[in-house]
C-alpha atoms as a PDB file:
ATOM      1  CA  MET A   1     307.997 177.247-160.962  1.00  0.00           C
ATOM      2  CA  PRO A   2     308.576 174.447-163.159  1.00  0.00           C
ATOM      3  CA  ASN A   3     305.458 172.277-164.162  1.00  0.00           C
ATOM      4  CA  THR A   4     305.328 168.866-162.013  1.00  0.00           C
ATOM      5  CA  LEU A   5     306.482 165.975-164.470  1.00  0.00           C
ATOM      6  CA  SER A   6     304.242 162.920-163.878  1.00  0.00           C
ATOM      7  CA  VAL A   7     306.490 159.742-163.646  1.00  0.00           C
ATOM      8  CA  ILE A   8     306.202 155.927-164.322  1.00  0.00           C
ATOM      9  CA  ILE A   9     308.695 153.180-163.028  1.00  0.00           C
ATOM     10  CA  ALA A  10     309.271 150.409-165.081  1.00  0.00           C
ATOM     11  CA  ASP A  11     311.599 147.601-163.981  1.00  0.00           C
ATOM     12  CA  ASP A  12     311.287 143.869-163.269  1.00  0.00           C
ATOM     13  CA  GLU A  13     313.368 144.243-160.159  1.00  0.00           C
ATOM     14  CA  GLN A  14     311.347 145.241-157.103  1.00  0.00           C
ATOM     15  CA  THR A  15     314.398 146.364-155.343  1.00  0.00           C
ATOM     16  CA  SER A  16     315.350 148.391-158.359  1.00  0.00           C
ATOM     17  CA  ARG A  17     311.674 150.319-158.495  1.00  0.00           C
ATOM     18  CA  ASP A  18     311.933 150.942-154.759  1.00  0.00           C
ATOM     19  CA  LEU A  19     315.402 152.422-155.015  1.00  0.00           C
ATOM     20  CA  ILE A  20     314.224 154.588-157.846  1.00  0.00           C
ATOM     21  CA  GLU A  21     310.993 155.863-156.050  1.00  0.00           C
ATOM     22  CA  SER A  22     313.281 156.349-152.772  1.00  0.00           C
ATOM     23  CA  TYR A  23     315.836 158.492-154.876  1.00  0.00           C
ATOM     24  CA  VAL A  24     313.076 160.489-156.828  1.00  0.00           C
ATOM     25  CA  LEU A  25     311.018 161.288-153.827  1.00  0.00           C
ATOM     26  CA  LYS A  26     314.406 162.215-151.687  1.00  0.00           C
ATOM     27  CA  TYR A  27     316.632 163.965-154.329  1.00  0.00           C
ATOM     28  CA  CYS A  28     314.558 165.258-157.370  1.00  0.00           C
ATOM     29  CA  THR A  29     311.866 168.286-157.364  1.00  0.00           C
ATOM     30  CA  ASN A  30     308.922 168.507-159.464  1.00  0.00           C
ATOM     31  CA  LEU A  31     308.382 164.793-160.141  1.00  0.00           C
ATOM     32  CA  LYS A  32     305.353 162.789-159.243  1.00  0.00           C
ATOM     33  CA  ILE A  33     305.150 159.098-159.553  1.00  0.00           C
ATOM     34  CA  VAL A  34     301.806 157.991-160.988  1.00  0.00           C
ATOM     35  CA  ALA A  35     302.500 154.219-161.637  1.00  0.00           C
ATOM     36  CA  LYS A  36     305.026 151.259-161.278  1.00  0.00           C
ATOM     37  CA  ALA A  37     305.471 148.243-163.583  1.00  0.00           C
ATOM     38  CA  ASN A  38     307.316 145.188-163.470  1.00  0.00           C
ATOM     39  CA  ASP A  39     307.305 144.017-167.079  1.00  0.00           C
ATOM     40  CA  ALA A  40     306.935 145.234-170.713  1.00  0.00           C
ATOM     41  CA  LYS A  41     303.213 144.586-170.512  1.00  0.00           C
ATOM     42  CA  GLN A  42     302.584 146.525-167.479  1.00  0.00           C
ATOM     43  CA  ALA A  43     304.545 149.546-168.792  1.00  0.00           C
ATOM     44  CA  ILE A  44     302.774 149.956-172.069  1.00  0.00           C
ATOM     45  CA  VAL A  45     299.257 149.710-170.353  1.00  0.00           C
ATOM     46  CA  ALA A  46     300.465 152.297-167.708  1.00  0.00           C
ATOM     47  CA  ILE A  47     301.795 154.782-170.278  1.00  0.00           C
ATOM     48  CA  HIS A  48     298.602 154.608-172.364  1.00  0.00           C
ATOM     49  CA  GLU A  49     296.735 154.765-169.287  1.00  0.00           C
ATOM     50  CA  HIS A  50     298.529 157.849-167.535  1.00  0.00           C
ATOM     51  CA  LYS A  51     300.020 159.529-170.250  1.00  0.00           C
ATOM     52  CA  PRO A  52     303.232 160.400-168.216  1.00  0.00           C
ATOM     53  CA  ASP A  53     305.918 163.083-168.899  1.00  0.00           C
ATOM     54  CA  LEU A  54     308.804 160.664-168.091  1.00  0.00           C
ATOM     55  CA  VAL A  55     309.525 157.232-167.684  1.00  0.00           C
ATOM     56  CA  PHE A  56     312.072 155.188-166.019  1.00  0.00           C
ATOM     57  CA  LEU A  57     312.575 152.321-168.092  1.00  0.00           C
ATOM     58  CA  ASP A  58     314.199 149.229-167.822  1.00  0.00           C
ATOM     59  CA  VAL A  59     315.914 148.165-171.215  1.00  0.00           C
ATOM     60  CA  GLU A  60     315.177 144.077-170.658  1.00  0.00           C
ATOM     61  CA  MET A  61     312.534 142.847-168.858  1.00  0.00           C
ATOM     62  CA  PRO A  62     309.880 140.078-169.185  1.00  0.00           C
ATOM     63  CA  PHE A  63     307.394 140.111-172.065  1.00  0.00           C
ATOM     64  CA  GLY A  64     309.544 142.523-174.057  1.00  0.00           C
ATOM     65  CA  ASN A  65     312.124 145.386-173.801  1.00  0.00           C
ATOM     66  CA  ALA A  66     312.461 148.877-174.376  1.00  0.00           C
ATOM     67  CA  PHE A  67     312.026 148.710-178.002  1.00  0.00           C
ATOM     68  CA  ASP A  68     308.720 147.127-177.435  1.00  0.00           C
ATOM     69  CA  VAL A  69     307.589 149.403-175.079  1.00  0.00           C
ATOM     70  CA  LEU A  70     308.497 152.247-177.376  1.00  0.00           C
ATOM     71  CA  GLU A  71     307.284 150.796-180.444  1.00  0.00           C
ATOM     72  CA  GLN A  72     303.896 150.168-178.824  1.00  0.00           C
ATOM     73  CA  THR A  73     303.412 153.466-177.042  1.00  0.00           C
ATOM     74  CA  GLU A  74     304.422 155.787-180.038  1.00  0.00           C
ATOM     75  CA  GLY A  75     301.370 157.627-179.793  1.00  0.00           C
ATOM     76  CA  VAL A  76     302.189 159.135-176.188  1.00  0.00           C
ATOM     77  CA  ASP A  77     304.483 161.878-176.074  1.00  0.00           C
ATOM     78  CA  TYR A  78     306.736 160.693-173.024  1.00  0.00           C
ATOM     79  CA  GLN A  79     310.671 161.236-172.115  1.00  0.00           C
ATOM     80  CA  THR A  80     312.653 158.044-171.267  1.00  0.00           C
ATOM     81  CA  ILE A  81     315.501 157.410-168.732  1.00  0.00           C
ATOM     82  CA  PHE A  82     316.606 154.160-169.186  1.00  0.00           C
ATOM     83  CA  ILE A  83     317.824 151.684-166.643  1.00  0.00           C
ATOM     84  CA  THR A  84     320.306 148.947-168.001  1.00  0.00           C
ATOM     85  CA  ALA A  85     322.775 146.530-166.231  1.00  0.00           C
ATOM     86  CA  TYR A  86     324.282 145.798-169.784  1.00  0.00           C
ATOM     87  CA  SER A  87     327.070 147.576-171.161  1.00  0.00           C
ATOM     88  CA  ASP A  88     326.647 146.105-174.571  1.00  0.00           C
ATOM     89  CA  TYR A  89     324.761 147.167-177.864  1.00  0.00           C
ATOM     90  CA  ALA A  90     322.036 148.782-175.972  1.00  0.00           C
ATOM     91  CA  ILE A  91     324.715 151.203-174.483  1.00  0.00           C
ATOM     92  CA  LYS A  92     325.928 151.747-177.786  1.00  0.00           C
ATOM     93  CA  ALA A  93     322.377 152.517-179.328  1.00  0.00           C
ATOM     94  CA  LEU A  94     321.383 154.937-176.340  1.00  0.00           C
ATOM     95  CA  ASN A  95     324.712 156.752-176.875  1.00  0.00           C
ATOM     96  CA  TYR A  96     324.268 157.256-180.349  1.00  0.00           C
ATOM     97  CA  SER A  97     320.760 158.451-179.982  1.00  0.00           C
ATOM     98  CA  ALA A  98     321.642 160.795-177.257  1.00  0.00           C
ATOM     99  CA  ALA A  99     319.494 159.073-174.827  1.00  0.00           C
ATOM    100  CA  TYR A 100     319.550 159.290-171.028  1.00  0.00           C
ATOM    101  CA  TYR A 101     320.417 156.505-169.134  1.00  0.00           C
ATOM    102  CA  ILE A 102     321.390 154.812-165.694  1.00  0.00           C
ATOM    103  CA  LEU A 103     323.469 151.815-165.265  1.00  0.00           C
ATOM    104  CA  LYS A 104     322.940 149.244-162.495  1.00  0.00           C
ATOM    105  CA  PRO A 105     323.836 149.441-159.434  1.00  0.00           C
ATOM    106  CA  ILE A 106     321.899 152.913-159.548  1.00  0.00           C
ATOM    107  CA  SER A 107     323.739 155.988-158.354  1.00  0.00           C
ATOM    108  CA  ILE A 108     322.021 159.012-156.800  1.00  0.00           C
ATOM    109  CA  ASP A 109     324.307 161.366-158.796  1.00  0.00           C
ATOM    110  CA  GLU A 110     323.778 159.697-162.111  1.00  0.00           C
ATOM    111  CA  LEU A 111     319.675 159.596-161.487  1.00  0.00           C
ATOM    112  CA  VAL A 112     319.701 162.947-160.328  1.00  0.00           C
ATOM    113  CA  ASN A 113     321.595 164.424-163.221  1.00  0.00           C
ATOM    114  CA  ALA A 114     319.716 162.413-165.736  1.00  0.00           C
ATOM    115  CA  VAL A 115     316.619 163.880-164.212  1.00  0.00           C
ATOM    116  CA  GLU A 116     317.834 167.419-164.375  1.00  0.00           C
ATOM    117  CA  LYS A 117     318.798 166.872-168.386  1.00  0.00           C
ATOM    118  CA  VAL A 118     315.241 165.633-168.899  1.00  0.00           C
ATOM    119  CA  GLN A 119     313.413 168.660-166.877  1.00  0.00           C
ATOM    120  CA  ALA A 120     315.623 170.907-168.990  1.00  0.00           C
ATOM    121  CA  MET A 121     314.593 169.033-172.197  1.00  0.00           C
ATOM    122  CA  ALA A 122     310.803 169.432-171.349  1.00  0.00           C
ATOM    123  CA  GLN A 123     309.785 172.321-172.981  1.00  0.00           C
ATOM    124  CA  GLU A 124     311.647 171.410-176.336  1.00  0.00           C
ATOM    125  CA  ASP A 125     309.465 170.431-179.454  1.00  0.00           C
ATOM    126  CA  ASN A 126     312.329 167.821-180.806  1.00  0.00           C
ATOM    127  CA  ILE A 127     311.510 165.203-178.229  1.00  0.00           C
ATOM    128  CA  GLY A 128     309.501 163.165-180.825  1.00  0.00           C
ATOM    129  CA  GLU A 129     312.426 163.115-183.160  1.00  0.00           C
ATOM    130  CA  LEU A 130     314.834 161.674-180.657  1.00  0.00           C
ATOM    131  CA  LYS A 131     312.516 158.907-179.711  1.00  0.00           C
ATOM    132  CA  LYS A 132     312.453 157.901-183.473  1.00  0.00           C
ATOM    133  CA  VAL A 133     316.109 157.755-183.870  1.00  0.00           C
ATOM    134  CA  LEU A 134     316.465 155.475-180.723  1.00  0.00           C
ATOM    135  CA  LYS A 135     313.695 153.380-181.844  1.00  0.00           C
ATOM    136  CA  ASP A 136     315.314 152.775-184.798  1.00  0.00           C
ATOM    137  CA  ASN A 137     318.748 151.754-183.215  1.00  0.00           C
ATOM    138  CA  LEU A 138     317.363 149.517-180.553  1.00  0.00           C
ATOM    139  CA  GLY A 139     315.368 147.838-183.295  1.00  0.00           C
ATOM    140  CA  GLN A 140     318.126 146.820-185.380  1.00  0.00           C
ATOM    141  CA  THR A 141     321.446 144.940-185.053  1.00  0.00           C
ATOM    142  CA  ASN A 142     323.856 147.906-186.106  1.00  0.00           C
ATOM    143  CA  ILE A 143     323.287 151.634-185.761  1.00  0.00           C
ATOM    144  CA  GLN A 144     321.010 153.278-188.166  1.00  0.00           C
ATOM    145  CA  ARG A 145     321.335 156.674-187.193  1.00  0.00           C
ATOM    146  CA  ILE A 146     323.238 159.214-184.726  1.00  0.00           C
ATOM    147  CA  VAL A 147     322.225 162.202-183.292  1.00  0.00           C
ATOM    148  CA  LEU A 148     325.113 164.939-183.521  1.00  0.00           C
ATOM    149  CA  PRO A 149     325.020 167.806-180.956  1.00  0.00           C
ATOM    150  CA  ASN A 150     325.643 171.432-182.072  1.00  0.00           C
ATOM    151  CA  GLN A 151     325.072 174.942-180.725  1.00  0.00           C
ATOM    152  CA  SER A 152     321.646 175.140-181.422  1.00  0.00           C
ATOM    153  CA  GLY A 153     320.644 171.576-180.140  1.00  0.00           C
ATOM    154  CA  PHE A 154     321.116 168.621-182.440  1.00  0.00           C
ATOM    155  CA  GLU A 155     320.923 167.085-186.034  1.00  0.00           C
ATOM    156  CA  ILE A 156     320.081 163.562-187.015  1.00  0.00           C
ATOM    157  CA  VAL A 157     322.378 161.979-189.801  1.00  0.00           C
ATOM    158  CA  ASP A 158     322.168 158.328-191.319  1.00  0.00           C
ATOM    159  CA  ALA A 159     325.113 156.146-190.738  1.00  0.00           C
ATOM    160  CA  ALA A 160     324.914 154.973-194.141  1.00  0.00           C
ATOM    161  CA  GLN A 161     325.617 158.684-195.195  1.00  0.00           C
ATOM    162  CA  ILE A 162     328.881 159.290-193.414  1.00  0.00           C
ATOM    163  CA  ILE A 163     332.097 158.760-195.785  1.00  0.00           C
ATOM    164  CA  ARG A 164     334.691 159.337-192.929  1.00  0.00           C
ATOM    165  CA  ILE A 165     335.230 160.648-189.572  1.00  0.00           C
ATOM    166  CA  SER A 166     338.349 162.374-188.724  1.00  0.00           C
ATOM    167  CA  GLY A 167     339.780 163.213-185.282  1.00  0.00           C
ATOM    168  CA  SER A 168     341.719 165.596-183.693  1.00  0.00           C
ATOM    169  CA  GLY A 169     341.683 165.965-180.062  1.00  0.00           C
ATOM    170  CA  ASN A 170     338.469 166.652-178.583  1.00  0.00           C
ATOM    171  CA  TYR A 171     336.884 167.239-181.854  1.00  0.00           C
ATOM    172  CA  ALA A 172     335.759 164.971-184.941  1.00  0.00           C
ATOM    173  CA  ASP A 173     335.259 166.192-188.526  1.00  0.00           C
ATOM    174  CA  ILE A 174     332.427 164.004-190.021  1.00  0.00           C
ATOM    175  CA  TYR A 175     332.029 164.204-194.001  1.00  0.00           C
ATOM    176  CA  LEU A 176     328.920 163.232-195.409  1.00  0.00           C
ATOM    177  CA  ALA A 177     327.885 161.951-198.988  1.00  0.00           C
ATOM    178  CA  ASP A 178     326.055 165.175-199.725  1.00  0.00           C
ATOM    179  CA  GLY A 179     329.265 167.107-199.238  1.00  0.00           C
ATOM    180  CA  LYS A 180     328.596 168.567-195.936  1.00  0.00           C
ATOM    181  CA  LYS A 181     331.203 168.366-193.112  1.00  0.00           C
ATOM    182  CA  LYS A 182     330.288 168.437-189.599  1.00  0.00           C
ATOM    183  CA  ILE A 183     332.461 169.560-186.656  1.00  0.00           C
ATOM    184  CA  ILE A 184     331.483 167.917-183.382  1.00  0.00           C
ATOM    185  CA  SER A 185     332.883 168.038-179.786  1.00  0.00           C
ATOM    186  CA  LYS A 186     333.365 164.208-179.338  1.00  0.00           C
ATOM    187  CA  THR A 187     336.713 162.499-179.320  1.00  0.00           C
ATOM    188  CA  LEU A 188     336.984 159.837-182.168  1.00  0.00           C
ATOM    189  CA  LYS A 189     336.818 157.333-179.654  1.00  0.00           C
ATOM    190  CA  PHE A 190     332.979 158.159-179.350  1.00  0.00           C
ATOM    191  CA  PHE A 191     332.574 156.940-182.914  1.00  0.00           C
ATOM    192  CA  GLU A 192     334.330 153.694-182.525  1.00  0.00           C
ATOM    193  CA  SER A 193     331.205 151.506-181.837  1.00  0.00           C
ATOM    194  CA  LEU A 194     330.251 152.452-185.463  1.00  0.00           C
ATOM    195  CA  GLU A 195     332.712 149.718-186.563  1.00  0.00           C
ATOM    196  CA  ASP A 196     329.883 147.340-185.490  1.00  0.00           C
ATOM    197  CA  ASN A 197     328.442 148.372-188.671  1.00  0.00           C
ATOM    198  CA  ALA A 198     330.002 146.145-191.651  1.00  0.00           C
ATOM    199  CA  ASN A 199     330.942 148.897-193.864  1.00  0.00           C
ATOM    200  CA  ILE A 200     332.861 151.172-191.347  1.00  0.00           C
ATOM    201  CA  MET A 201     336.291 150.598-189.961  1.00  0.00           C
ATOM    202  CA  ARG A 202     338.912 152.436-188.314  1.00  0.00           C
ATOM    203  CA  VAL A 203     342.110 152.610-190.736  1.00  0.00           C
ATOM    204  CA  HIS A 204     344.290 154.688-188.627  1.00  0.00           C
ATOM    205  CA  LYS A 205     344.248 156.472-185.322  1.00  0.00           C
ATOM    206  CA  SER A 206     342.711 159.185-186.760  1.00  0.00           C
ATOM    207  CA  HIS A 207     340.506 158.280-189.197  1.00  0.00           C
ATOM    208  CA  ILE A 208     337.417 155.918-189.416  1.00  0.00           C
ATOM    209  CA  VAL A 209     336.055 155.678-193.063  1.00  0.00           C
ATOM    210  CA  ASN A 210     333.025 153.934-194.734  1.00  0.00           C
ATOM    211  CA  THR A 211     334.353 151.112-196.971  1.00  0.00           C
ATOM    212  CA  ASP A 212     331.290 152.115-199.251  1.00  0.00           C
ATOM    213  CA  TYR A 213     332.714 155.457-200.211  1.00  0.00           C
ATOM    214  CA  ILE A 214     336.253 154.024-200.967  1.00  0.00           C
ATOM    215  CA  ALA A 215     337.286 154.737-204.686  1.00  0.00           C
ATOM    216  CA  ALA A 216     340.696 153.619-204.802  1.00  0.00           C
ATOM    217  CA  TYR A 217     343.502 152.340-202.768  1.00  0.00           C
ATOM    218  CA  ARG A 218     347.359 153.466-203.464  1.00  0.00           C
ATOM    219  CA  ARG A 219     349.863 150.756-202.055  1.00  0.00           C
ATOM    220  CA  GLY A 220     352.340 151.755-199.516  1.00  0.00           C
ATOM    221  CA  ARG A 221     353.822 151.082-196.172  1.00  0.00           C
ATOM    222  CA  GLY A 222     350.295 151.573-194.976  1.00  0.00           C
ATOM    223  CA  GLY A 223     348.751 152.945-198.061  1.00  0.00           C
ATOM    224  CA  VAL A 224     346.326 155.789-198.756  1.00  0.00           C
ATOM    225  CA  LEU A 225     342.618 155.269-199.597  1.00  0.00           C
ATOM    226  CA  VAL A 226     341.091 157.743-202.162  1.00  0.00           C
ATOM    227  CA  MET A 227     337.398 158.238-201.267  1.00  0.00           C
ATOM    228  CA  THR A 228     334.446 159.392-203.511  1.00  0.00           C
ATOM    229  CA  ASP A 229     334.422 162.769-202.401  1.00  0.00           C
ATOM    230  CA  GLY A 230     338.154 163.228-203.613  1.00  0.00           C
ATOM    231  CA  SER A 231     339.635 163.335-200.363  1.00  0.00           C
ATOM    232  CA  GLU A 232     342.614 160.899-199.152  1.00  0.00           C
ATOM    233  CA  VAL A 233     343.045 158.924-195.946  1.00  0.00           C
ATOM    234  CA  GLU A 234     346.079 157.547-194.783  1.00  0.00           C
ATOM    235  CA  VAL A 235     346.117 153.899-193.666  1.00  0.00           C
ATOM    236  CA  SER A 236     348.371 153.026-190.897  1.00  0.00           C
ATOM    237  CA  ALA A 237     350.722 150.236-191.485  1.00  0.00           C
ATOM    238  CA  ARG A 238     349.018 148.307-188.411  1.00  0.00           C
ATOM    239  CA  MET A 239     345.620 148.569-189.905  1.00  0.00           C
ATOM    240  CA  LYS A 240     346.466 147.543-193.590  1.00  0.00           C
ATOM    241  CA  SER A 241     346.167 143.932-193.722  1.00  0.00           C
ATOM    242  CA  ALA A 242     342.525 143.761-191.813  1.00  0.00           C
ATOM    243  CA  LEU A 243     341.676 146.658-194.409  1.00  0.00           C
ATOM    244  CA  LEU A 244     342.676 144.619-197.404  1.00  0.00           C
ATOM    245  CA  GLU A 245     340.986 141.720-196.016  1.00  0.00           C
ATOM    246  CA  HIS A 246     338.039 143.441-195.862  1.00  0.00           C
ATOM    247  CA  LEU A 247     338.356 144.863-199.521  1.00  0.00           C
ATOM    248  CA  GLY A 248     339.253 141.135-200.615  1.00  0.00           C
ATOM    249  CA  LEU A 249     342.453 142.513-202.196  1.00  0.00           C
END
């Protein structure tokens, strides 16, 4: 039988805390709620006191946010399921960090699914690395690092090391500054939010590039970019003007 995971629920809305508790008790197995908190300060104290296996953590709370809680409980090894009503930057940070989260209003199916994924990861040794990536991303105004799934688990890539991303159906090819190529089972749409980073932009329906690695531009209807690794990327006519403006041409 799987080990029972100790759980803390940290959410500033009592109805949300009560709902999570009710769903956990009714629909999840091998979980034991050891504490509840209604703000970031209480969450930090409870995590240090109980050293839980899992925390349901609201992204925005009084006296701090999820980033503050993660930063001030770095020494405690626990997994997190984030609760958020916001579909903004926080969601992008969670997605790129391979984090588990539930959107409000809370769905039973989403909660159970997230718990099952956490339970499956409970024996892994790489939880700490994922937490570091998440802390990096939540603590900045743009995406710093991304978690790329692979057959054996995942690997972490600095966004600044990405030269370009090319999409083909349900897969994306990521080309890195060290010469490596990663094939990921994600559509190009998954990476669109990286365009919030000032140096990353989409130049074609099938191509996203890091403008720091552009070596040359050849004019044409849309034109062609020559990247520092020698690869060539077609620019669509529709995106040409935005690219040239970005490059100051």
